[in-house]
Each structure stands twice: as structure tokens, then as C-alpha cells.
Amino acid sequence: MHTKKKVISLDAIRQIADELKSKGQRIAFTNGCFDILHLGHIELLEFAHAQGDVLIVGVNSDASIRRLKGAGRPVLNAEQRSRILAALECVDYVVIFDDDTPYELIARIRPSVLVKGGDYVPDTIVGRDIVEGAGGRVVVFPLIAGNSSSQLIEKIKQQ
């Protein structure tokens, strides 16, 4: 079995996911930028881990974040963000993806549970068709007001 809390490549993710499933492990998956880690992220990740046996976290690449959030982002590069996430007890694997959405990554992993934050509506969650089509479920974690990387960055700029 692979060591827990590893940052793994896109190429390796399908094999690892298949290996975990062959051992009866339920894979939970969530994704995001995780630019500046805050309490909302921690609570989402802990909740996501509780939905399965293993939590895989997809992290947007630096280029993907710039396309989604603008030229000033990310604050921390993908390697730093991934290593921070991998150090958390509730995170088993981290994989960086370059697309604007995690659709192809979800197709590779085929998780049992897809978890997204409360700023998403179930009908609009990317990958829902893949997960539910395979008999899995999509879970929305309630958003914690006042906890966002963008808000923290603005607050820091105003200091």
C-alpha cells in the first residue's frame, strides 16, 4: 500500500484509486485552490474525510488559479499548497490538476463520494454525473461565513 499523505501525480492517481477500491476502500474526493489555508478549509477537509475511508484532494495548478482568480493569485505555489494539505491528518492523497475544472480528474478517480463546499448547488457540481452514474453520492458541506482565501487576502492588503 502507498504511504499515506502523499502528493501524487496525475499519471499515478488512477492506479492508486483502483488499488484502494480493490481493497474495499471508499474514496472521498474534494478539490479547490486552497491558496491560503483557513478554518473553512480544515472543516471541509475533515468532513470530506468522514464521508469515506480515504480522502483524495485535487488542487488547482498555479496556471489554473490564475485563469480562475486573476494575475495576483495564487499566493502560495502548487507545491507548497499540496505539501501543506498532505501534512493534514485528514488528507490521504493530494493531486495537482491543470484544468479549470476537476472533471477529468474525477473521471480518473471515480470516487464513491464527491464533496463540495456550500457555495455550490448540487445540480451544478462538476463530476456529479460521473459519481452518481457509478452509484456514488455528492455531498455539499455547509459554507462557513467569513472564511475565504479571497477575503483573507483583502484583509491582509488593508493592513
N, C-alpha and C. Protein backbone atom coordinates (compact mmCIF):
# COMPACT_ATOMS: atom_id res chain seq x y z
N MET A 1 0.86 -1.19 0.00
CA MET A 1 0.00 0.00 0.00
C MET A 1 0.89 1.24 0.00
N HIS A 2 0.42 2.26 -0.64
CA HIS A 2 1.18 3.50 -0.70
C HIS A 2 1.16 4.21 0.65
N THR A 3 2.20 4.94 0.93
CA THR A 3 2.26 5.71 2.17
C THR A 3 1.18 6.77 2.16
N LYS A 4 0.55 6.97 3.29
CA LYS A 4 -0.49 7.98 3.38
C LYS A 4 0.11 9.37 3.24
N LYS A 5 -0.74 10.32 2.93
CA LYS A 5 -0.39 11.73 2.87
C LYS A 5 0.68 12.02 1.84
N LYS A 6 0.49 11.49 0.66
CA LYS A 6 1.45 11.73 -0.40
C LYS A 6 0.88 12.66 -1.44
N VAL A 7 1.74 13.49 -1.99
CA VAL A 7 1.39 14.25 -3.17
C VAL A 7 1.73 13.35 -4.35
N ILE A 8 0.73 13.02 -5.14
CA ILE A 8 0.91 12.06 -6.22
C ILE A 8 0.64 12.69 -7.57
N SER A 9 1.13 12.07 -8.61
CA SER A 9 0.98 12.60 -9.96
C SER A 9 -0.35 12.22 -10.57
N LEU A 10 -0.76 12.97 -11.57
CA LEU A 10 -1.97 12.65 -12.33
C LEU A 10 -1.86 11.26 -12.94
N ASP A 11 -0.66 10.92 -13.39
CA ASP A 11 -0.45 9.61 -14.01
C ASP A 11 -0.68 8.46 -13.03
N ALA A 12 -0.36 8.67 -11.76
CA ALA A 12 -0.45 7.61 -10.76
C ALA A 12 -1.82 7.51 -10.11
N ILE A 13 -2.63 8.52 -10.24
CA ILE A 13 -3.88 8.58 -9.45
C ILE A 13 -4.85 7.45 -9.78
N ARG A 14 -5.01 7.10 -11.04
CA ARG A 14 -5.97 6.05 -11.38
C ARG A 14 -5.56 4.71 -10.77
N GLN A 15 -4.27 4.39 -10.87
CA GLN A 15 -3.78 3.12 -10.32
C GLN A 15 -3.98 3.08 -8.80
N ILE A 16 -3.67 4.18 -8.14
CA ILE A 16 -3.84 4.24 -6.68
C ILE A 16 -5.31 4.11 -6.32
N ALA A 17 -6.18 4.82 -7.04
CA ALA A 17 -7.62 4.74 -6.77
C ALA A 17 -8.12 3.32 -6.98
N ASP A 18 -7.71 2.69 -8.07
CA ASP A 18 -8.13 1.31 -8.34
C ASP A 18 -7.64 0.35 -7.27
N GLU A 19 -6.41 0.57 -6.82
CA GLU A 19 -5.83 -0.26 -5.75
C GLU A 19 -6.64 -0.13 -4.46
N LEU A 20 -6.98 1.11 -4.12
CA LEU A 20 -7.76 1.36 -2.90
C LEU A 20 -9.13 0.70 -2.99
N LYS A 21 -9.78 0.86 -4.14
CA LYS A 21 -11.12 0.27 -4.31
C LYS A 21 -11.06 -1.25 -4.27
N SER A 22 -10.01 -1.84 -4.83
CA SER A 22 -9.89 -3.31 -4.83
C SER A 22 -9.77 -3.85 -3.40
N LYS A 23 -9.35 -2.99 -2.49
CA LYS A 23 -9.23 -3.37 -1.07
C LYS A 23 -10.48 -2.98 -0.29
N GLY A 24 -11.53 -2.56 -1.01
CA GLY A 24 -12.79 -2.22 -0.36
C GLY A 24 -12.85 -0.83 0.24
N GLN A 25 -11.89 0.02 -0.09
CA GLN A 25 -11.85 1.37 0.46
C GLN A 25 -12.81 2.28 -0.31
N ARG A 26 -13.59 3.08 0.42
CA ARG A 26 -14.47 4.08 -0.20
C ARG A 26 -13.67 5.39 -0.31
N ILE A 27 -13.55 5.89 -1.52
CA ILE A 27 -12.78 7.10 -1.77
C ILE A 27 -13.70 8.31 -1.73
N ALA A 28 -13.34 9.27 -0.89
CA ALA A 28 -13.98 10.58 -0.88
C ALA A 28 -13.05 11.52 -1.63
N PHE A 29 -13.63 12.47 -2.36
CA PHE A 29 -12.84 13.41 -3.15
C PHE A 29 -13.40 14.81 -2.97
N THR A 30 -12.51 15.76 -2.86
CA THR A 30 -12.87 17.17 -2.94
C THR A 30 -11.73 17.88 -3.65
N ASN A 31 -11.99 19.10 -4.04
CA ASN A 31 -10.95 19.85 -4.75
C ASN A 31 -11.09 21.35 -4.48
N GLY A 32 -10.04 22.07 -4.84
CA GLY A 32 -10.07 23.52 -4.70
C GLY A 32 -8.69 24.11 -4.90
N CYS A 33 -8.64 25.42 -4.69
CA CYS A 33 -7.37 26.15 -4.82
C CYS A 33 -6.55 26.03 -3.54
N PHE A 34 -7.20 26.14 -2.40
CA PHE A 34 -6.54 26.05 -1.09
C PHE A 34 -5.34 27.00 -1.03
N ASP A 35 -5.56 28.24 -1.49
CA ASP A 35 -4.47 29.20 -1.62
C ASP A 35 -3.91 29.63 -0.28
N ILE A 36 -4.76 30.06 0.61
CA ILE A 36 -4.34 30.35 1.98
C ILE A 36 -5.24 29.50 2.86
N LEU A 37 -4.68 28.51 3.50
CA LEU A 37 -5.47 27.56 4.28
C LEU A 37 -6.10 28.27 5.47
N HIS A 38 -7.40 28.05 5.67
CA HIS A 38 -8.12 28.66 6.78
C HIS A 38 -9.09 27.65 7.40
N LEU A 39 -9.76 28.05 8.46
CA LEU A 39 -10.64 27.16 9.21
C LEU A 39 -11.72 26.53 8.32
N GLY A 40 -12.27 27.27 7.40
CA GLY A 40 -13.27 26.71 6.50
C GLY A 40 -12.72 25.54 5.70
N HIS A 41 -11.47 25.65 5.24
CA HIS A 41 -10.83 24.54 4.52
C HIS A 41 -10.69 23.31 5.44
N ILE A 42 -10.21 23.55 6.64
CA ILE A 42 -9.97 22.44 7.58
C ILE A 42 -11.27 21.71 7.86
N GLU A 43 -12.33 22.45 8.12
CA GLU A 43 -13.61 21.81 8.43
C GLU A 43 -14.16 21.07 7.21
N LEU A 44 -14.00 21.63 6.02
CA LEU A 44 -14.42 20.93 4.79
C LEU A 44 -13.64 19.63 4.63
N LEU A 45 -12.33 19.68 4.81
CA LEU A 45 -11.48 18.50 4.63
C LEU A 45 -11.79 17.42 5.66
N GLU A 46 -12.00 17.82 6.91
CA GLU A 46 -12.35 16.84 7.94
C GLU A 46 -13.70 16.20 7.62
N PHE A 47 -14.65 17.01 7.20
CA PHE A 47 -15.97 16.50 6.81
C PHE A 47 -15.86 15.55 5.63
N ALA A 48 -15.09 15.95 4.62
CA ALA A 48 -14.92 15.12 3.43
C ALA A 48 -14.30 13.77 3.79
N HIS A 49 -13.29 13.79 4.64
CA HIS A 49 -12.64 12.53 5.04
C HIS A 49 -13.64 11.61 5.74
N ALA A 50 -14.52 12.18 6.54
CA ALA A 50 -15.50 11.38 7.28
C ALA A 50 -16.52 10.71 6.35
N GLN A 51 -16.60 11.15 5.10
CA GLN A 51 -17.55 10.58 4.15
C GLN A 51 -17.06 9.29 3.50
N GLY A 52 -15.79 8.97 3.68
CA GLY A 52 -15.22 7.77 3.08
C GLY A 52 -14.12 7.20 3.95
N ASP A 53 -13.37 6.28 3.38
CA ASP A 53 -12.24 5.68 4.10
C ASP A 53 -10.93 6.41 3.80
N VAL A 54 -10.86 6.98 2.61
CA VAL A 54 -9.66 7.66 2.12
C VAL A 54 -10.09 8.96 1.47
N LEU A 55 -9.35 10.03 1.74
CA LEU A 55 -9.65 11.32 1.11
C LEU A 55 -8.55 11.68 0.12
N ILE A 56 -8.97 11.90 -1.12
CA ILE A 56 -8.08 12.43 -2.16
C ILE A 56 -8.51 13.86 -2.42
N VAL A 57 -7.53 14.77 -2.41
CA VAL A 57 -7.80 16.19 -2.64
C VAL A 57 -7.15 16.62 -3.94
N GLY A 58 -7.96 17.18 -4.84
CA GLY A 58 -7.45 17.76 -6.07
C GLY A 58 -7.14 19.23 -5.84
N VAL A 59 -5.96 19.65 -6.25
CA VAL A 59 -5.52 21.04 -6.06
C VAL A 59 -5.29 21.69 -7.43
N ASN A 60 -5.92 22.82 -7.64
CA ASN A 60 -5.72 23.55 -8.89
C ASN A 60 -4.27 23.98 -9.04
N SER A 61 -3.73 23.81 -10.24
CA SER A 61 -2.37 24.26 -10.52
C SER A 61 -2.31 25.78 -10.46
N ASP A 62 -1.10 26.31 -10.46
CA ASP A 62 -0.91 27.77 -10.44
C ASP A 62 -1.56 28.41 -11.67
N ALA A 63 -1.35 27.82 -12.84
CA ALA A 63 -1.91 28.38 -14.08
C ALA A 63 -3.44 28.35 -14.03
N SER A 64 -3.98 27.28 -13.51
CA SER A 64 -5.44 27.16 -13.39
C SER A 64 -5.99 28.26 -12.47
N ILE A 65 -5.34 28.49 -11.35
CA ILE A 65 -5.79 29.53 -10.43
C ILE A 65 -5.71 30.91 -11.08
N ARG A 66 -4.63 31.18 -11.80
CA ARG A 66 -4.52 32.48 -12.48
C ARG A 66 -5.67 32.68 -13.46
N ARG A 67 -6.04 31.62 -14.18
CA ARG A 67 -7.17 31.72 -15.12
C ARG A 67 -8.48 31.96 -14.38
N LEU A 68 -8.64 31.36 -13.22
CA LEU A 68 -9.89 31.46 -12.48
C LEU A 68 -9.99 32.69 -11.59
N LYS A 69 -8.85 33.12 -11.00
CA LYS A 69 -8.90 34.16 -9.98
C LYS A 69 -8.13 35.43 -10.33
N GLY A 70 -7.35 35.39 -11.41
CA GLY A 70 -6.62 36.60 -11.80
C GLY A 70 -5.13 36.50 -11.60
N ALA A 71 -4.43 37.52 -12.12
CA ALA A 71 -2.97 37.52 -12.18
C ALA A 71 -2.28 37.52 -10.81
N GLY A 72 -2.92 38.05 -9.77
CA GLY A 72 -2.28 38.13 -8.46
C GLY A 72 -2.32 36.84 -7.66
N ARG A 73 -2.90 35.82 -8.19
CA ARG A 73 -3.06 34.56 -7.47
C ARG A 73 -2.36 33.44 -8.22
N PRO A 74 -1.93 32.40 -7.60
CA PRO A 74 -2.06 32.11 -6.17
C PRO A 74 -1.00 32.83 -5.34
N VAL A 75 -1.23 32.89 -4.05
CA VAL A 75 -0.25 33.44 -3.13
C VAL A 75 0.85 32.41 -2.91
N LEU A 76 0.45 31.17 -2.67
CA LEU A 76 1.39 30.06 -2.49
C LEU A 76 1.36 29.19 -3.74
N ASN A 77 2.52 28.68 -4.16
CA ASN A 77 2.53 27.86 -5.37
C ASN A 77 1.95 26.48 -5.10
N ALA A 78 1.69 25.75 -6.17
CA ALA A 78 1.01 24.45 -6.08
C ALA A 78 1.77 23.46 -5.20
N GLU A 79 3.09 23.45 -5.31
CA GLU A 79 3.87 22.52 -4.49
C GLU A 79 3.69 22.83 -3.01
N GLN A 80 3.75 24.11 -2.66
CA GLN A 80 3.58 24.50 -1.25
C GLN A 80 2.17 24.14 -0.76
N ARG A 81 1.15 24.49 -1.55
CA ARG A 81 -0.23 24.21 -1.15
C ARG A 81 -0.45 22.71 -0.99
N SER A 82 0.10 21.93 -1.89
CA SER A 82 -0.07 20.48 -1.85
C SER A 82 0.62 19.86 -0.64
N ARG A 83 1.82 20.31 -0.37
CA ARG A 83 2.55 19.75 0.78
C ARG A 83 1.88 20.11 2.10
N ILE A 84 1.33 21.31 2.19
CA ILE A 84 0.60 21.71 3.40
C ILE A 84 -0.62 20.81 3.59
N LEU A 85 -1.38 20.61 2.52
CA LEU A 85 -2.56 19.75 2.60
C LEU A 85 -2.17 18.31 2.95
N ALA A 86 -1.12 17.81 2.33
CA ALA A 86 -0.69 16.43 2.58
C ALA A 86 -0.26 16.22 4.03
N ALA A 87 0.12 17.28 4.71
CA ALA A 87 0.55 17.17 6.11
C ALA A 87 -0.64 17.05 7.07
N LEU A 88 -1.83 17.33 6.60
CA LEU A 88 -3.01 17.25 7.45
C LEU A 88 -3.42 15.80 7.67
N GLU A 89 -3.78 15.48 8.89
CA GLU A 89 -4.16 14.12 9.24
C GLU A 89 -5.34 13.61 8.42
N CYS A 90 -6.27 14.48 8.08
CA CYS A 90 -7.48 14.05 7.38
C CYS A 90 -7.29 13.87 5.87
N VAL A 91 -6.14 14.24 5.34
CA VAL A 91 -5.88 14.13 3.90
C VAL A 91 -4.94 12.96 3.64
N ASP A 92 -5.38 12.05 2.75
CA ASP A 92 -4.57 10.88 2.45
C ASP A 92 -3.70 11.07 1.21
N TYR A 93 -4.26 11.67 0.16
CA TYR A 93 -3.52 11.91 -1.08
C TYR A 93 -3.89 13.27 -1.64
N VAL A 94 -2.93 13.90 -2.29
CA VAL A 94 -3.14 15.19 -2.96
C VAL A 94 -2.63 15.05 -4.38
N VAL A 95 -3.40 15.57 -5.32
CA VAL A 95 -3.00 15.55 -6.72
C VAL A 95 -3.28 16.91 -7.34
N ILE A 96 -2.30 17.44 -8.06
CA ILE A 96 -2.44 18.75 -8.71
C ILE A 96 -3.00 18.53 -10.12
N PHE A 97 -3.99 19.35 -10.49
CA PHE A 97 -4.55 19.27 -11.83
C PHE A 97 -4.52 20.65 -12.48
N ASP A 98 -4.39 20.67 -13.81
CA ASP A 98 -4.19 21.92 -14.54
C ASP A 98 -5.46 22.44 -15.22
N ASP A 99 -6.49 21.62 -15.30
CA ASP A 99 -7.73 22.06 -15.95
C ASP A 99 -8.45 23.07 -15.07
N ASP A 100 -9.39 23.81 -15.66
CA ASP A 100 -10.17 24.76 -14.88
C ASP A 100 -11.19 24.07 -13.99
N THR A 101 -11.59 22.85 -14.35
CA THR A 101 -12.49 22.07 -13.51
C THR A 101 -11.84 20.71 -13.25
N PRO A 102 -12.30 20.02 -12.22
CA PRO A 102 -11.72 18.71 -11.90
C PRO A 102 -12.39 17.55 -12.65
N TYR A 103 -13.13 17.81 -13.70
CA TYR A 103 -13.93 16.78 -14.36
C TYR A 103 -13.09 15.57 -14.79
N GLU A 104 -11.99 15.82 -15.48
CA GLU A 104 -11.15 14.71 -15.95
C GLU A 104 -10.50 13.97 -14.78
N LEU A 105 -10.15 14.70 -13.74
CA LEU A 105 -9.57 14.08 -12.55
C LEU A 105 -10.60 13.18 -11.86
N ILE A 106 -11.82 13.67 -11.74
CA ILE A 106 -12.89 12.86 -11.15
C ILE A 106 -13.13 11.61 -11.99
N ALA A 107 -13.06 11.75 -13.31
CA ALA A 107 -13.23 10.59 -14.20
C ALA A 107 -12.12 9.56 -13.98
N ARG A 108 -10.92 10.01 -13.68
CA ARG A 108 -9.80 9.08 -13.40
C ARG A 108 -9.98 8.37 -12.08
N ILE A 109 -10.42 9.12 -11.07
CA ILE A 109 -10.52 8.57 -9.71
C ILE A 109 -11.81 7.77 -9.52
N ARG A 110 -12.90 8.27 -10.05
CA ARG A 110 -14.23 7.66 -9.86
C ARG A 110 -14.50 7.43 -8.36
N PRO A 111 -14.55 8.53 -7.59
CA PRO A 111 -14.74 8.40 -6.14
C PRO A 111 -16.15 7.91 -5.78
N SER A 112 -16.26 7.36 -4.58
CA SER A 112 -17.56 6.95 -4.05
C SER A 112 -18.36 8.16 -3.60
N VAL A 113 -17.64 9.18 -3.12
CA VAL A 113 -18.28 10.39 -2.60
C VAL A 113 -17.53 11.61 -3.13
N LEU A 114 -18.29 12.56 -3.64
CA LEU A 114 -17.75 13.85 -4.11
C LEU A 114 -18.27 14.91 -3.15
N VAL A 115 -17.36 15.65 -2.53
CA VAL A 115 -17.74 16.66 -1.53
C VAL A 115 -17.34 18.04 -2.05
N LYS A 116 -18.28 18.97 -1.97
CA LYS A 116 -18.01 20.36 -2.34
C LYS A 116 -18.53 21.27 -1.25
N GLY A 117 -17.99 22.49 -1.21
CA GLY A 117 -18.42 23.48 -0.23
C GLY A 117 -19.80 24.03 -0.56
N GLY A 118 -20.43 24.63 0.45
CA GLY A 118 -21.80 25.11 0.34
C GLY A 118 -22.06 26.23 -0.63
N ASP A 119 -21.02 26.76 -1.28
CA ASP A 119 -21.24 27.77 -2.29
C ASP A 119 -21.62 27.12 -3.63
N TYR A 120 -21.77 25.79 -3.62
CA TYR A 120 -22.18 25.06 -4.82
C TYR A 120 -23.58 24.49 -4.64
N VAL A 121 -24.32 24.43 -5.74
CA VAL A 121 -25.64 23.81 -5.79
C VAL A 121 -25.44 22.43 -6.39
N PRO A 122 -26.01 21.38 -5.82
CA PRO A 122 -25.76 20.02 -6.31
C PRO A 122 -25.88 19.86 -7.84
N ASP A 123 -26.86 20.49 -8.44
CA ASP A 123 -27.06 20.34 -9.89
C ASP A 123 -25.92 20.90 -10.72
N THR A 124 -25.12 21.79 -10.13
CA THR A 124 -24.04 22.42 -10.89
C THR A 124 -22.65 21.89 -10.53
N ILE A 125 -22.59 20.89 -9.67
CA ILE A 125 -21.30 20.37 -9.24
C ILE A 125 -20.66 19.54 -10.35
N VAL A 126 -19.46 19.97 -10.75
CA VAL A 126 -18.72 19.27 -11.80
C VAL A 126 -18.37 17.86 -11.36
N GLY A 127 -18.66 16.89 -12.20
CA GLY A 127 -18.36 15.50 -11.91
C GLY A 127 -19.49 14.74 -11.27
N ARG A 128 -20.56 15.44 -10.96
CA ARG A 128 -21.71 14.79 -10.33
C ARG A 128 -22.20 13.62 -11.18
N ASP A 129 -22.26 13.82 -12.49
CA ASP A 129 -22.74 12.77 -13.39
C ASP A 129 -21.89 11.51 -13.31
N ILE A 130 -20.59 11.69 -13.18
CA ILE A 130 -19.67 10.55 -13.10
C ILE A 130 -19.90 9.78 -11.80
N VAL A 131 -19.93 10.50 -10.69
CA VAL A 131 -20.03 9.88 -9.37
C VAL A 131 -21.39 9.20 -9.19
N GLU A 132 -22.46 9.93 -9.47
CA GLU A 132 -23.79 9.34 -9.29
C GLU A 132 -24.05 8.25 -10.32
N GLY A 133 -23.50 8.40 -11.51
CA GLY A 133 -23.66 7.38 -12.54
C GLY A 133 -23.03 6.05 -12.16
N ALA A 134 -22.04 6.10 -11.26
CA ALA A 134 -21.37 4.89 -10.80
C ALA A 134 -21.92 4.42 -9.45
N GLY A 135 -23.03 5.03 -9.02
CA GLY A 135 -23.65 4.63 -7.76
C GLY A 135 -23.14 5.36 -6.54
N GLY A 136 -22.30 6.39 -6.74
CA GLY A 136 -21.78 7.18 -5.62
C GLY A 136 -22.72 8.31 -5.26
N ARG A 137 -22.25 9.16 -4.37
CA ARG A 137 -23.09 10.29 -3.96
C ARG A 137 -22.31 11.59 -3.91
N VAL A 138 -23.05 12.67 -4.02
CA VAL A 138 -22.49 14.02 -3.95
C VAL A 138 -23.01 14.65 -2.67
N VAL A 139 -22.10 15.23 -1.89
CA VAL A 139 -22.45 15.84 -0.62
C VAL A 139 -21.97 17.29 -0.62
N VAL A 140 -22.85 18.20 -0.19
CA VAL A 140 -22.49 19.61 -0.08
C VAL A 140 -22.26 19.93 1.39
N PHE A 141 -21.07 20.45 1.68
CA PHE A 141 -20.71 20.85 3.04
C PHE A 141 -21.15 22.29 3.25
N PRO A 142 -21.87 22.59 4.33
CA PRO A 142 -22.33 23.96 4.56
C PRO A 142 -21.18 24.96 4.63
N LEU A 143 -21.33 26.06 3.92
CA LEU A 143 -20.32 27.11 3.89
C LEU A 143 -20.24 27.81 5.24
N ILE A 144 -19.03 28.12 5.67
CA ILE A 144 -18.82 28.84 6.92
C ILE A 144 -18.57 30.30 6.56
N ALA A 145 -19.51 31.16 6.93
CA ALA A 145 -19.44 32.58 6.56
C ALA A 145 -18.14 33.22 7.05
N GLY A 146 -17.58 34.07 6.20
CA GLY A 146 -16.39 34.82 6.57
C GLY A 146 -15.08 34.07 6.41
N ASN A 147 -15.14 32.87 5.88
CA ASN A 147 -13.93 32.08 5.70
C ASN A 147 -13.67 31.85 4.21
N SER A 148 -12.88 32.72 3.62
CA SER A 148 -12.46 32.51 2.23
C SER A 148 -11.07 33.08 2.06
N SER A 149 -10.30 32.44 1.19
CA SER A 149 -8.94 32.93 0.93
C SER A 149 -8.98 34.34 0.36
N SER A 150 -9.93 34.59 -0.53
CA SER A 150 -10.04 35.93 -1.15
C SER A 150 -10.30 37.00 -0.09
N GLN A 151 -11.19 36.69 0.88
CA GLN A 151 -11.46 37.65 1.95
C GLN A 151 -10.23 37.87 2.82
N LEU A 152 -9.49 36.80 3.11
CA LEU A 152 -8.28 36.93 3.92
C LEU A 152 -7.22 37.76 3.20
N ILE A 153 -7.07 37.54 1.91
CA ILE A 153 -6.08 38.31 1.14
C ILE A 153 -6.44 39.79 1.15
N GLU A 154 -7.72 40.11 0.97
CA GLU A 154 -8.15 41.52 1.01
C GLU A 154 -7.90 42.13 2.38
N LYS A 155 -8.17 41.37 3.42
CA LYS A 155 -7.95 41.87 4.78
C LYS A 155 -6.46 42.17 5.01
N ILE A 156 -5.61 41.28 4.53
CA ILE A 156 -4.16 41.47 4.67
C ILE A 156 -3.71 42.72 3.90
N LYS A 157 -4.24 42.91 2.72
CA LYS A 157 -3.88 44.09 1.90
C LYS A 157 -4.26 45.39 2.59
N GLN A 158 -5.34 45.36 3.36
CA GLN A 158 -5.81 46.57 4.03
C GLN A 158 -5.04 46.89 5.30
N GLN A 159 -4.21 45.99 5.75
CA GLN A 159 -3.45 46.19 7.00
C GLN A 159 -2.34 47.19 6.82
